C-alpha cells in the first residue's frame, strides 16, 4: 500500500512539474509575440462577425496580455477582441504598455463607468455589437490555437444552440428541483443539446444574436439576484428564451490545452461561489424562482 501511495505521489509531482514547465514556456512564447510582432491579431474572411469579449481588474491587469495574445494567435482570428475594464481600476493613462502594443494590433479596450464585476465581459459588448457572434473568455487562461475555430464550427452545425468548450450537467431530484452544485456532473460529456447543460465561462462560450431573453441586460436584476455569478445569469436568460446549450465534443485533455496563467488564481471567485451561503446554489434558486424557470429544465431538443 505504501509503495502505491508513493507512486501516486510521484506521479502527481511529475504532472505538477510538467504543468509548471508548460505554463512557463507558453508564457514566454506569448510574451515574445506580444512584444515583437506587429501583425494584426484580428480579422477573418468568414461571413459572420466574431467578437471575443473578456474583462479583468487591477490585480490581473499586468498579466491579461497573455490571454489576449493567445486570442490573437488563433487559427481563426476574431474580428474584434474587446477588453472591458472598470475606470475605478484602470484608465488609459495607467494601461500597461504591452496592452498599448496590442491595441495597435486590434485590441479594443472599453473603460466602464460602473464596475459590474464579471458581468462586464458581456454587458457592454452585447450592447455595442448586438448583431455579432460573441465569445466570452476569462482572463486567467491562455487559450489553444483552435479555441475560436471550434466554437464557430460547432455553431455553424447547430446555429440555434449555445456552444461551450466546458460545461457541467445540472442534476435534478425526483420533484424537479436542482440538486446542490457540488453534486452536478462536472465537465460533462453529454453530447446532445440540453436545458441541463450549464456552460462554464472559463472554457469560452459562443452566444449568437437572439440567444437570450431581452431581460439579459437588466442590470438591476442580475446585480440583486446573483452578483458576481454571470454564468448563472446567462444560463437563466437562455432558459427563459428557450435556448438549449451544448458542450463541444473534444477528446483532448482540457487542462493541458487551456493553460492557467501562473499566479492568476490568487484572486478568484471559485471559493465564494462554492460556499453554502450566498454561493451558486442560493443564486441559482433566486434566479429560477424570480422568473419561474423551473419547468424549463425539462425542455427537450
C-alpha atoms as a PDB file:
ATOM      1  CA  UNK A   1       0.000   0.000   0.000  1.00  0.00           C
ATOM      2  CA  UNK A   2       2.788   2.411   0.919  1.00  0.00           C
ATOM      3  CA  UNK A   3       4.544   1.729  -2.410  1.00  0.00           C
ATOM      4  CA  UNK A   4       1.316   2.500  -4.250  1.00  0.00           C
ATOM      5  CA  UNK A   5       0.910   5.776  -2.341  1.00  0.00           C
ATOM      6  CA  UNK A   6       4.495   6.753  -3.096  1.00  0.00           C
ATOM      7  CA  UNK A   7       3.989   6.021  -6.806  1.00  0.00           C
ATOM      8  CA  UNK A   8       0.820   8.073  -6.834  1.00  0.00           C
ATOM      9  CA  UNK A   9       2.609  10.938  -5.074  1.00  0.00           C
ATOM     10  CA  UNK A  10       5.497  10.829  -7.558  1.00  0.00           C
ATOM     11  CA  UNK A  11       3.019  10.825 -10.446  1.00  0.00           C
ATOM     12  CA  UNK A  12       1.233  13.859  -9.039  1.00  0.00           C
ATOM     13  CA  UNK A  13       4.544  15.653  -8.539  1.00  0.00           C
ATOM     14  CA  UNK A  14       5.612  14.845 -12.097  1.00  0.00           C
ATOM     15  CA  UNK A  15       2.314  16.075 -13.501  1.00  0.00           C
ATOM     16  CA  UNK A  16       2.518  19.286 -11.456  1.00  0.00           C
ATOM     17  CA  UNK A  17       6.075  19.938 -12.645  1.00  0.00           C
ATOM     18  CA  UNK A  18       5.055  19.271 -16.247  1.00  0.00           C
ATOM     19  CA  UNK A  19       2.245  21.806 -15.921  1.00  0.00           C
ATOM     20  CA  UNK A  20       4.596  24.411 -14.425  1.00  0.00           C
ATOM     21  CA  UNK A  21       7.007  23.967 -17.327  1.00  0.00           C
ATOM     22  CA  UNK A  22       4.164  24.250 -19.831  1.00  0.00           C
ATOM     23  CA  UNK A  23       2.964  27.440 -18.150  1.00  0.00           C
ATOM     24  CA  UNK A  24       6.451  28.951 -18.248  1.00  0.00           C
ATOM     25  CA  UNK A  25       7.144  28.003 -21.866  1.00  0.00           C
ATOM     26  CA  UNK A  26       3.779  29.197 -23.161  1.00  0.00           C
ATOM     27  CA  UNK A  27       4.004  32.433 -21.161  1.00  0.00           C
ATOM     28  CA  UNK A  28       7.451  33.126 -22.628  1.00  0.00           C
ATOM     29  CA  UNK A  29       6.281  32.426 -26.181  1.00  0.00           C
ATOM     30  CA  UNK A  30       3.228  34.663 -25.876  1.00  0.00           C
ATOM     31  CA  UNK A  31       5.245  37.439 -24.240  1.00  0.00           C
ATOM     32  CA  UNK A  32       7.747  37.418 -27.096  1.00  0.00           C
ATOM     33  CA  UNK A  33       4.923  37.583 -29.652  1.00  0.00           C
ATOM     34  CA  UNK A  34       3.204  40.421 -27.794  1.00  0.00           C
ATOM     35  CA  UNK A  35       6.398  42.484 -27.695  1.00  0.00           C
ATOM     36  CA  UNK A  36       7.891  41.747 -31.104  1.00  0.00           C
ATOM     37  CA  UNK A  37       5.101  41.118 -33.605  1.00  0.00           C
ATOM     38  CA  UNK A  38       3.336  43.906 -35.478  1.00  0.00           C
ATOM     39  CA  UNK A  39       0.882  41.638 -37.293  1.00  0.00           C
ATOM     40  CA  UNK A  40      -2.793  42.276 -36.734  1.00  0.00           C
ATOM     41  CA  UNK A  41      -4.342  39.981 -34.162  1.00  0.00           C
ATOM     42  CA  UNK A  42      -7.882  40.298 -35.505  1.00  0.00           C
ATOM     43  CA  UNK A  43      -9.799  39.928 -38.764  1.00  0.00           C
ATOM     44  CA  UNK A  44     -11.078  36.910 -40.694  1.00  0.00           C
ATOM     45  CA  UNK A  45     -12.648  36.134 -44.045  1.00  0.00           C
ATOM     46  CA  UNK A  46     -15.712  34.386 -42.625  1.00  0.00           C
ATOM     47  CA  UNK A  47     -19.212  35.716 -43.364  1.00  0.00           C
ATOM     48  CA  UNK A  48     -20.035  36.238 -39.677  1.00  0.00           C
ATOM     49  CA  UNK A  49     -18.677  38.939 -37.392  1.00  0.00           C
ATOM     50  CA  UNK A  50     -16.960  37.309 -34.402  1.00  0.00           C
ATOM     51  CA  UNK A  51     -16.182  39.223 -31.199  1.00  0.00           C
ATOM     52  CA  UNK A  52     -14.250  37.825 -28.242  1.00  0.00           C
ATOM     53  CA  UNK A  53     -15.065  39.671 -25.037  1.00  0.00           C
ATOM     54  CA  UNK A  54     -13.374  39.490 -21.649  1.00  0.00           C
ATOM     55  CA  UNK A  55     -12.868  41.558 -18.546  1.00  0.00           C
ATOM     56  CA  UNK A  56     -10.154  41.952 -15.944  1.00  0.00           C
ATOM     57  CA  UNK A  57      -9.361  44.042 -12.883  1.00  0.00           C
ATOM     58  CA  UNK A  58      -6.402  45.825 -11.346  1.00  0.00           C
ATOM     59  CA  UNK A  59      -4.813  42.751  -9.730  1.00  0.00           C
ATOM     60  CA  UNK A  60      -4.696  40.901 -13.062  1.00  0.00           C
ATOM     61  CA  UNK A  61      -4.121  43.777 -15.481  1.00  0.00           C
ATOM     62  CA  UNK A  62      -0.389  43.029 -15.610  1.00  0.00           C
ATOM     63  CA  UNK A  63      -0.898  39.501 -16.967  1.00  0.00           C
ATOM     64  CA  UNK A  64      -4.062  39.759 -19.069  1.00  0.00           C
ATOM     65  CA  UNK A  65      -1.916  40.389 -22.158  1.00  0.00           C
ATOM     66  CA  UNK A  66      -1.137  36.644 -22.099  1.00  0.00           C
ATOM     67  CA  UNK A  67      -4.803  35.782 -22.538  1.00  0.00           C
ATOM     68  CA  UNK A  68      -5.192  38.439 -25.219  1.00  0.00           C
ATOM     69  CA  UNK A  69      -2.108  37.288 -27.123  1.00  0.00           C
ATOM     70  CA  UNK A  70      -3.380  33.706 -27.128  1.00  0.00           C
ATOM     71  CA  UNK A  71      -6.595  35.067 -28.674  1.00  0.00           C
ATOM     72  CA  UNK A  72      -4.584  36.989 -31.265  1.00  0.00           C
ATOM     73  CA  UNK A  73      -2.743  33.801 -32.265  1.00  0.00           C
ATOM     74  CA  UNK A  74      -5.911  31.914 -33.221  1.00  0.00           C
ATOM     75  CA  UNK A  75      -6.108  29.860 -36.414  1.00  0.00           C
ATOM     76  CA  UNK A  76      -9.450  31.598 -36.981  1.00  0.00           C
ATOM     77  CA  UNK A  77      -8.979  35.124 -35.708  1.00  0.00           C
ATOM     78  CA  UNK A  78     -11.915  37.020 -34.255  1.00  0.00           C
ATOM     79  CA  UNK A  79     -12.900  40.290 -35.895  1.00  0.00           C
ATOM     80  CA  UNK A  80     -12.586  42.057 -32.553  1.00  0.00           C
ATOM     81  CA  UNK A  81     -11.110  41.392 -29.139  1.00  0.00           C
ATOM     82  CA  UNK A  82     -12.796  43.574 -26.533  1.00  0.00           C
ATOM     83  CA  UNK A  83     -11.342  44.046 -23.037  1.00  0.00           C
ATOM     84  CA  UNK A  84     -13.810  45.653 -20.630  1.00  0.00           C
ATOM     85  CA  UNK A  85     -12.323  47.284 -17.518  1.00  0.00           C
ATOM     86  CA  UNK A  86     -13.701  49.457 -14.747  1.00  0.00           C
ATOM     87  CA  UNK A  87     -12.489  53.067 -14.733  1.00  0.00           C
ATOM     88  CA  UNK A  88     -12.068  52.690 -10.973  1.00  0.00           C
ATOM     89  CA  UNK A  89      -9.408  50.012 -11.631  1.00  0.00           C
ATOM     90  CA  UNK A  90      -7.748  51.004 -14.897  1.00  0.00           C
ATOM     91  CA  UNK A  91      -7.565  54.156 -17.002  1.00  0.00           C
ATOM     92  CA  UNK A  92      -5.952  54.955 -20.337  1.00  0.00           C
ATOM     93  CA  UNK A  93      -3.071  56.641 -18.537  1.00  0.00           C
ATOM     94  CA  UNK A  94      -2.101  53.610 -16.433  1.00  0.00           C
ATOM     95  CA  UNK A  95      -2.796  50.912 -19.009  1.00  0.00           C
ATOM     96  CA  UNK A  96       0.280  48.654 -19.270  1.00  0.00           C
ATOM     97  CA  UNK A  97       2.400  49.448 -22.325  1.00  0.00           C
ATOM     98  CA  UNK A  98       2.111  45.893 -23.620  1.00  0.00           C
ATOM     99  CA  UNK A  99      -1.656  46.401 -23.917  1.00  0.00           C
ATOM    100  CA  UNK A 100      -0.999  49.579 -25.936  1.00  0.00           C
ATOM    101  CA  UNK A 101       1.058  47.431 -28.300  1.00  0.00           C
ATOM    102  CA  UNK A 102      -1.842  45.022 -28.590  1.00  0.00           C
ATOM    103  CA  UNK A 103      -4.257  47.909 -29.176  1.00  0.00           C
ATOM    104  CA  UNK A 104      -2.217  48.804 -32.253  1.00  0.00           C
ATOM    105  CA  UNK A 105      -2.899  45.241 -33.487  1.00  0.00           C
ATOM    106  CA  UNK A 106      -6.646  45.333 -32.943  1.00  0.00           C
ATOM    107  CA  UNK A 107      -7.367  45.100 -29.214  1.00  0.00           C
ATOM    108  CA  UNK A 108     -10.297  47.289 -28.171  1.00  0.00           C
ATOM    109  CA  UNK A 109     -10.394  48.485 -24.553  1.00  0.00           C
ATOM    110  CA  UNK A 110     -13.719  49.655 -23.125  1.00  0.00           C
ATOM    111  CA  UNK A 111     -13.465  51.756 -19.971  1.00  0.00           C
ATOM    112  CA  UNK A 112     -16.674  51.270 -17.982  1.00  0.00           C
ATOM    113  CA  UNK A 113     -18.069  53.823 -15.551  1.00  0.00           C
ATOM    114  CA  UNK A 114     -19.709  51.221 -13.317  1.00  0.00           C
ATOM    115  CA  UNK A 115     -17.902  48.166 -12.043  1.00  0.00           C
ATOM    116  CA  UNK A 116     -20.209  45.225 -12.731  1.00  0.00           C
ATOM    117  CA  UNK A 117     -17.605  42.632 -11.812  1.00  0.00           C
ATOM    118  CA  UNK A 118     -17.549  39.634 -14.193  1.00  0.00           C
ATOM    119  CA  UNK A 119     -20.719  40.943 -15.864  1.00  0.00           C
ATOM    120  CA  UNK A 120     -18.529  43.456 -17.683  1.00  0.00           C
ATOM    121  CA  UNK A 121     -17.370  40.695 -20.017  1.00  0.00           C
ATOM    122  CA  UNK A 122     -20.760  40.595 -21.756  1.00  0.00           C
ATOM    123  CA  UNK A 123     -22.888  43.572 -20.656  1.00  0.00           C
ATOM    124  CA  UNK A 124     -21.189  46.312 -22.674  1.00  0.00           C
ATOM    125  CA  UNK A 125     -20.175  44.111 -25.600  1.00  0.00           C
ATOM    126  CA  UNK A 126     -23.697  42.754 -26.091  1.00  0.00           C
ATOM    127  CA  UNK A 127     -24.971  46.316 -26.333  1.00  0.00           C
ATOM    128  CA  UNK A 128     -22.233  47.556 -28.653  1.00  0.00           C
ATOM    129  CA  UNK A 129     -22.264  44.547 -31.013  1.00  0.00           C
ATOM    130  CA  UNK A 130     -25.829  43.138 -30.906  1.00  0.00           C
ATOM    131  CA  UNK A 131     -25.595  41.538 -34.350  1.00  0.00           C
ATOM    132  CA  UNK A 132     -22.284  39.729 -33.814  1.00  0.00           C
ATOM    133  CA  UNK A 133     -21.361  36.270 -32.604  1.00  0.00           C
ATOM    134  CA  UNK A 134     -19.909  36.946 -29.181  1.00  0.00           C
ATOM    135  CA  UNK A 135     -17.490  34.602 -27.461  1.00  0.00           C
ATOM    136  CA  UNK A 136     -16.844  35.234 -23.790  1.00  0.00           C
ATOM    137  CA  UNK A 137     -13.449  34.339 -22.352  1.00  0.00           C
ATOM    138  CA  UNK A 138     -11.791  34.520 -18.932  1.00  0.00           C
ATOM    139  CA  UNK A 139      -8.665  36.487 -18.091  1.00  0.00           C
ATOM    140  CA  UNK A 140      -6.801  33.714 -16.261  1.00  0.00           C
ATOM    141  CA  UNK A 141      -6.249  31.309 -19.164  1.00  0.00           C
ATOM    142  CA  UNK A 142      -4.014  31.012 -22.212  1.00  0.00           C
ATOM    143  CA  UNK A 143      -6.291  29.621 -24.914  1.00  0.00           C
ATOM    144  CA  UNK A 144      -5.386  26.966 -27.509  1.00  0.00           C
ATOM    145  CA  UNK A 145      -4.983  27.987 -31.160  1.00  0.00           C
ATOM    146  CA  UNK A 146      -8.293  26.410 -32.243  1.00  0.00           C
ATOM    147  CA  UNK A 147     -10.392  27.916 -29.435  1.00  0.00           C
ATOM    148  CA  UNK A 148     -12.389  30.235 -31.724  1.00  0.00           C
ATOM    149  CA  UNK A 149     -12.461  27.870 -34.693  1.00  0.00           C
ATOM    150  CA  UNK A 150     -14.031  25.004 -32.743  1.00  0.00           C
ATOM    151  CA  UNK A 151     -16.746  27.212 -31.286  1.00  0.00           C
ATOM    152  CA  UNK A 152     -17.525  28.710 -34.686  1.00  0.00           C
ATOM    153  CA  UNK A 153     -17.740  25.331 -36.442  1.00  0.00           C
ATOM    154  CA  UNK A 154     -19.965  23.958 -33.671  1.00  0.00           C
ATOM    155  CA  UNK A 155     -22.303  26.939 -34.074  1.00  0.00           C
ATOM    156  CA  UNK A 156     -22.434  26.514 -37.855  1.00  0.00           C
ATOM    157  CA  UNK A 157     -23.589  22.924 -37.304  1.00  0.00           C
ATOM    158  CA  UNK A 158     -26.258  23.951 -34.734  1.00  0.00           C
ATOM    159  CA  UNK A 159     -26.900  27.712 -35.010  1.00  0.00           C
ATOM    160  CA  UNK A 160     -29.851  27.589 -32.597  1.00  0.00           C
ATOM    161  CA  UNK A 161     -27.723  26.328 -29.696  1.00  0.00           C
ATOM    162  CA  UNK A 162     -25.242  27.970 -27.285  1.00  0.00           C
ATOM    163  CA  UNK A 163     -21.900  26.154 -27.531  1.00  0.00           C
ATOM    164  CA  UNK A 164     -19.196  25.861 -24.872  1.00  0.00           C
ATOM    165  CA  UNK A 165     -15.796  24.200 -24.580  1.00  0.00           C
ATOM    166  CA  UNK A 166     -16.571  23.203 -20.999  1.00  0.00           C
ATOM    167  CA  UNK A 167     -19.859  22.659 -19.188  1.00  0.00           C
ATOM    168  CA  UNK A 168     -21.454  20.961 -16.219  1.00  0.00           C
ATOM    169  CA  UNK A 169     -24.634  18.923 -16.247  1.00  0.00           C
ATOM    170  CA  UNK A 170     -27.208  20.105 -13.753  1.00  0.00           C
ATOM    171  CA  UNK A 171     -28.814  17.245 -11.852  1.00  0.00           C
ATOM    172  CA  UNK A 172     -32.363  17.299 -10.527  1.00  0.00           C
ATOM    173  CA  UNK A 173     -34.200  15.386  -7.818  1.00  0.00           C
ATOM    174  CA  UNK A 174     -37.468  13.462  -8.220  1.00  0.00           C
ATOM    175  CA  UNK A 175     -39.541  16.609  -7.726  1.00  0.00           C
ATOM    176  CA  UNK A 176     -37.736  18.574 -10.433  1.00  0.00           C
ATOM    177  CA  UNK A 177     -35.629  20.626  -8.051  1.00  0.00           C
ATOM    178  CA  UNK A 178     -31.964  21.207  -8.826  1.00  0.00           C
ATOM    179  CA  UNK A 179     -29.519  19.254  -6.679  1.00  0.00           C
ATOM    180  CA  UNK A 180     -26.650  21.165  -4.996  1.00  0.00           C
ATOM    181  CA  UNK A 181     -23.890  22.447  -7.258  1.00  0.00           C
ATOM    182  CA  UNK A 182     -21.283  20.156  -5.686  1.00  0.00           C
ATOM    183  CA  UNK A 183     -23.243  17.095  -6.864  1.00  0.00           C
ATOM    184  CA  UNK A 184     -23.525  18.148 -10.531  1.00  0.00           C
ATOM    185  CA  UNK A 185     -21.781  16.182 -13.262  1.00  0.00           C
ATOM    186  CA  UNK A 186     -18.664  18.306 -13.698  1.00  0.00           C
ATOM    187  CA  UNK A 187     -17.138  18.717 -17.160  1.00  0.00           C
ATOM    188  CA  UNK A 188     -19.959  16.649 -18.579  1.00  0.00           C
ATOM    189  CA  UNK A 189     -19.509  14.560 -21.719  1.00  0.00           C
ATOM    190  CA  UNK A 190     -23.203  14.849 -22.573  1.00  0.00           C
ATOM    191  CA  UNK A 191     -23.172  15.139 -26.367  1.00  0.00           C
ATOM    192  CA  UNK A 192     -26.625  16.449 -27.231  1.00  0.00           C
ATOM    193  CA  UNK A 193     -28.049  19.933 -26.594  1.00  0.00           C
ATOM    194  CA  UNK A 194     -29.937  20.151 -23.330  1.00  0.00           C
ATOM    195  CA  UNK A 195     -31.550  22.597 -20.938  1.00  0.00           C
ATOM    196  CA  UNK A 196     -29.489  20.937 -18.202  1.00  0.00           C
ATOM    197  CA  UNK A 197     -26.111  21.740 -19.792  1.00  0.00           C
ATOM    198  CA  UNK A 198     -24.585  24.597 -17.815  1.00  0.00           C
ATOM    199  CA  UNK A 199     -21.755  26.355 -19.732  1.00  0.00           C
ATOM    200  CA  UNK A 200     -18.773  27.440 -17.644  1.00  0.00           C
ATOM    201  CA  UNK A 201     -17.244  30.707 -18.775  1.00  0.00           C
ATOM    202  CA  UNK A 202     -13.613  29.748 -18.236  1.00  0.00           C
ATOM    203  CA  UNK A 203     -13.637  27.444 -21.257  1.00  0.00           C
ATOM    204  CA  UNK A 204     -15.243  30.032 -23.503  1.00  0.00           C
ATOM    205  CA  UNK A 205     -18.844  30.196 -24.692  1.00  0.00           C
ATOM    206  CA  UNK A 206     -20.276  31.333 -28.044  1.00  0.00           C
ATOM    207  CA  UNK A 207     -23.512  33.331 -27.936  1.00  0.00           C
ATOM    208  CA  UNK A 208     -25.450  34.221 -31.063  1.00  0.00           C
ATOM    209  CA  UNK A 209     -27.879  37.123 -31.653  1.00  0.00           C
ATOM    210  CA  UNK A 210     -31.242  36.160 -30.193  1.00  0.00           C
ATOM    211  CA  UNK A 211     -29.860  33.527 -27.824  1.00  0.00           C
ATOM    212  CA  UNK A 212     -31.183  35.346 -24.747  1.00  0.00           C
ATOM    213  CA  UNK A 213     -34.375  36.838 -23.456  1.00  0.00           C
ATOM    214  CA  UNK A 214     -34.198  40.641 -23.605  1.00  0.00           C
ATOM    215  CA  UNK A 215     -34.085  40.653 -19.792  1.00  0.00           C
ATOM    216  CA  UNK A 216     -30.404  39.670 -20.058  1.00  0.00           C
ATOM    217  CA  UNK A 217     -29.331  43.330 -19.874  1.00  0.00           C
ATOM    218  CA  UNK A 218     -31.392  44.108 -16.762  1.00  0.00           C
ATOM    219  CA  UNK A 219     -28.530  45.324 -14.575  1.00  0.00           C
ATOM    220  CA  UNK A 220     -30.689  45.896 -11.518  1.00  0.00           C
ATOM    221  CA  UNK A 221     -31.914  42.316 -11.579  1.00  0.00           C
ATOM    222  CA  UNK A 222     -28.644  40.488 -12.116  1.00  0.00           C
ATOM    223  CA  UNK A 223     -26.815  42.548  -9.532  1.00  0.00           C
ATOM    224  CA  UNK A 224     -29.583  41.850  -6.999  1.00  0.00           C
ATOM    225  CA  UNK A 225     -30.243  38.160  -7.745  1.00  0.00           C
ATOM    226  CA  UNK A 226     -26.794  36.758  -8.495  1.00  0.00           C
ATOM    227  CA  UNK A 227     -23.985  39.281  -8.074  1.00  0.00           C
ATOM    228  CA  UNK A 228     -20.581  38.074  -9.353  1.00  0.00           C
ATOM    229  CA  UNK A 229     -22.191  34.962 -10.923  1.00  0.00           C
ATOM    230  CA  UNK A 230     -22.575  35.830 -14.593  1.00  0.00           C
ATOM    231  CA  UNK A 231     -22.597  32.155 -15.655  1.00  0.00           C
ATOM    232  CA  UNK A 232     -25.776  31.618 -13.646  1.00  0.00           C
ATOM    233  CA  UNK A 233     -27.468  34.710 -15.041  1.00  0.00           C
ATOM    234  CA  UNK A 234     -26.624  33.873 -18.651  1.00  0.00           C
ATOM    235  CA  UNK A 235     -27.805  30.287 -18.186  1.00  0.00           C
ATOM    236  CA  UNK A 236     -31.090  31.537 -16.730  1.00  0.00           C
ATOM    237  CA  UNK A 237     -31.604  34.012 -19.573  1.00  0.00           C
ATOM    238  CA  UNK A 238     -31.012  31.274 -22.146  1.00  0.00           C
ATOM    239  CA  UNK A 239     -33.585  29.107 -20.331  1.00  0.00           C
ATOM    240  CA  UNK A 240     -36.041  31.994 -20.319  1.00  0.00           C
ATOM    241  CA  UNK A 241     -35.602  32.291 -24.082  1.00  0.00           C
ATOM    242  CA  UNK A 242     -35.889  28.545 -24.676  1.00  0.00           C
ATOM    243  CA  UNK A 243     -32.311  28.207 -25.954  1.00  0.00           C
ATOM    244  CA  UNK A 244     -30.508  24.929 -25.291  1.00  0.00           C
ATOM    245  CA  UNK A 245     -26.778  24.571 -24.572  1.00  0.00           C
ATOM    246  CA  UNK A 246     -24.216  22.039 -25.753  1.00  0.00           C
ATOM    247  CA  UNK A 247     -20.649  21.150 -24.887  1.00  0.00           C
ATOM    248  CA  UNK A 248     -18.205  20.749 -27.761  1.00  0.00           C
ATOM    249  CA  UNK A 249     -17.042  17.146 -28.004  1.00  0.00           C
ATOM    250  CA  UNK A 250     -13.243  17.130 -27.800  1.00  0.00           C
ATOM    251  CA  UNK A 251     -11.313  14.048 -26.622  1.00  0.00           C
ATOM    252  CA  UNK A 252      -8.220  16.086 -25.805  1.00  0.00           C
ATOM    253  CA  UNK A 253      -7.424  16.908 -22.193  1.00  0.00           C
ATOM    254  CA  UNK A 254      -8.920  20.273 -21.261  1.00  0.00           C
ATOM    255  CA  UNK A 255      -6.317  21.092 -18.616  1.00  0.00           C
ATOM    256  CA  UNK A 256      -3.361  20.658 -20.963  1.00  0.00           C
ATOM    257  CA  UNK A 257      -4.903  22.786 -23.710  1.00  0.00           C
ATOM    258  CA  UNK A 258      -6.428  25.596 -21.649  1.00  0.00           C
ATOM    259  CA  UNK A 259      -3.409  26.603 -19.592  1.00  0.00           C
ATOM    260  CA  UNK A 260      -3.858  28.638 -16.416  1.00  0.00           C
ATOM    261  CA  UNK A 261      -1.765  31.812 -16.174  1.00  0.00           C
ATOM    262  CA  UNK A 262       0.714  31.412 -13.300  1.00  0.00           C
ATOM    263  CA  UNK A 263      -0.397  33.062 -10.044  1.00  0.00           C
ATOM    264  CA  UNK A 264      -3.749  34.116 -11.531  1.00  0.00           C
ATOM    265  CA  UNK A 265      -5.685  32.026  -9.015  1.00  0.00           C
ATOM    266  CA  UNK A 266      -4.511  34.157  -6.104  1.00  0.00           C
ATOM    267  CA  UNK A 267      -7.555  36.318  -6.775  1.00  0.00           C
ATOM    268  CA  UNK A 268     -10.505  34.161  -7.860  1.00  0.00           C
ATOM    269  CA  UNK A 269     -14.242  33.710  -7.332  1.00  0.00           C
ATOM    270  CA  UNK A 270     -14.261  29.923  -7.056  1.00  0.00           C
ATOM    271  CA  UNK A 271     -14.166  29.692  -3.280  1.00  0.00           C
ATOM    272  CA  UNK A 272     -17.015  32.156  -2.670  1.00  0.00           C
ATOM    273  CA  UNK A 273     -19.172  30.665  -5.406  1.00  0.00           C
ATOM    274  CA  UNK A 274     -18.936  27.189  -3.857  1.00  0.00           C
ATOM    275  CA  UNK A 275     -19.708  28.383  -0.337  1.00  0.00           C
ATOM    276  CA  UNK A 276     -23.047  27.303   1.091  1.00  0.00           C
ATOM    277  CA  UNK A 277     -24.192  30.818   1.981  1.00  0.00           C
ATOM    278  CA  UNK A 278     -24.713  33.179  -0.978  1.00  0.00           C
ATOM    279  CA  UNK A 279     -23.000  30.647  -3.247  1.00  0.00           C
ATOM    280  CA  UNK A 280     -24.070  29.142  -6.543  1.00  0.00           C
ATOM    281  CA  UNK A 281     -26.976  27.170  -5.071  1.00  0.00           C
ATOM    282  CA  UNK A 282     -28.653  30.189  -3.485  1.00  0.00           C
ATOM    283  CA  UNK A 283     -28.101  32.406  -6.512  1.00  0.00           C
ATOM    284  CA  UNK A 284     -29.394  29.838  -8.981  1.00  0.00           C
ATOM    285  CA  UNK A 285     -32.516  29.280  -6.889  1.00  0.00           C
ATOM    286  CA  UNK A 286     -33.088  33.024  -6.628  1.00  0.00           C
ATOM    287  CA  UNK A 287     -32.999  33.488 -10.416  1.00  0.00           C
ATOM    288  CA  UNK A 288     -35.096  30.405 -11.226  1.00  0.00           C
ATOM    289  CA  UNK A 289     -37.668  31.468  -8.638  1.00  0.00           C
ATOM    290  CA  UNK A 290     -37.786  35.074  -9.813  1.00  0.00           C
ATOM    291  CA  UNK A 291     -38.501  34.125 -13.424  1.00  0.00           C
ATOM    292  CA  UNK A 292     -40.389  30.872 -12.735  1.00  0.00           C
ATOM    293  CA  UNK A 293     -37.945  28.895 -14.851  1.00  0.00           C
ATOM    294  CA  UNK A 294     -38.107  25.521 -13.117  1.00  0.00           C
ATOM    295  CA  UNK A 295     -40.340  23.931 -15.828  1.00  0.00           C
ATOM    296  CA  UNK A 296     -37.787  24.941 -18.492  1.00  0.00           C
ATOM    297  CA  UNK A 297     -35.268  22.481 -17.059  1.00  0.00           C
ATOM    298  CA  UNK A 298     -37.262  19.632 -18.590  1.00  0.00           C
ATOM    299  CA  UNK A 299     -37.161  21.222 -22.048  1.00  0.00           C
ATOM    300  CA  UNK A 300     -36.164  18.803 -24.820  1.00  0.00           C
ATOM    301  CA  UNK A 301     -34.287  19.459 -28.083  1.00  0.00           C
END
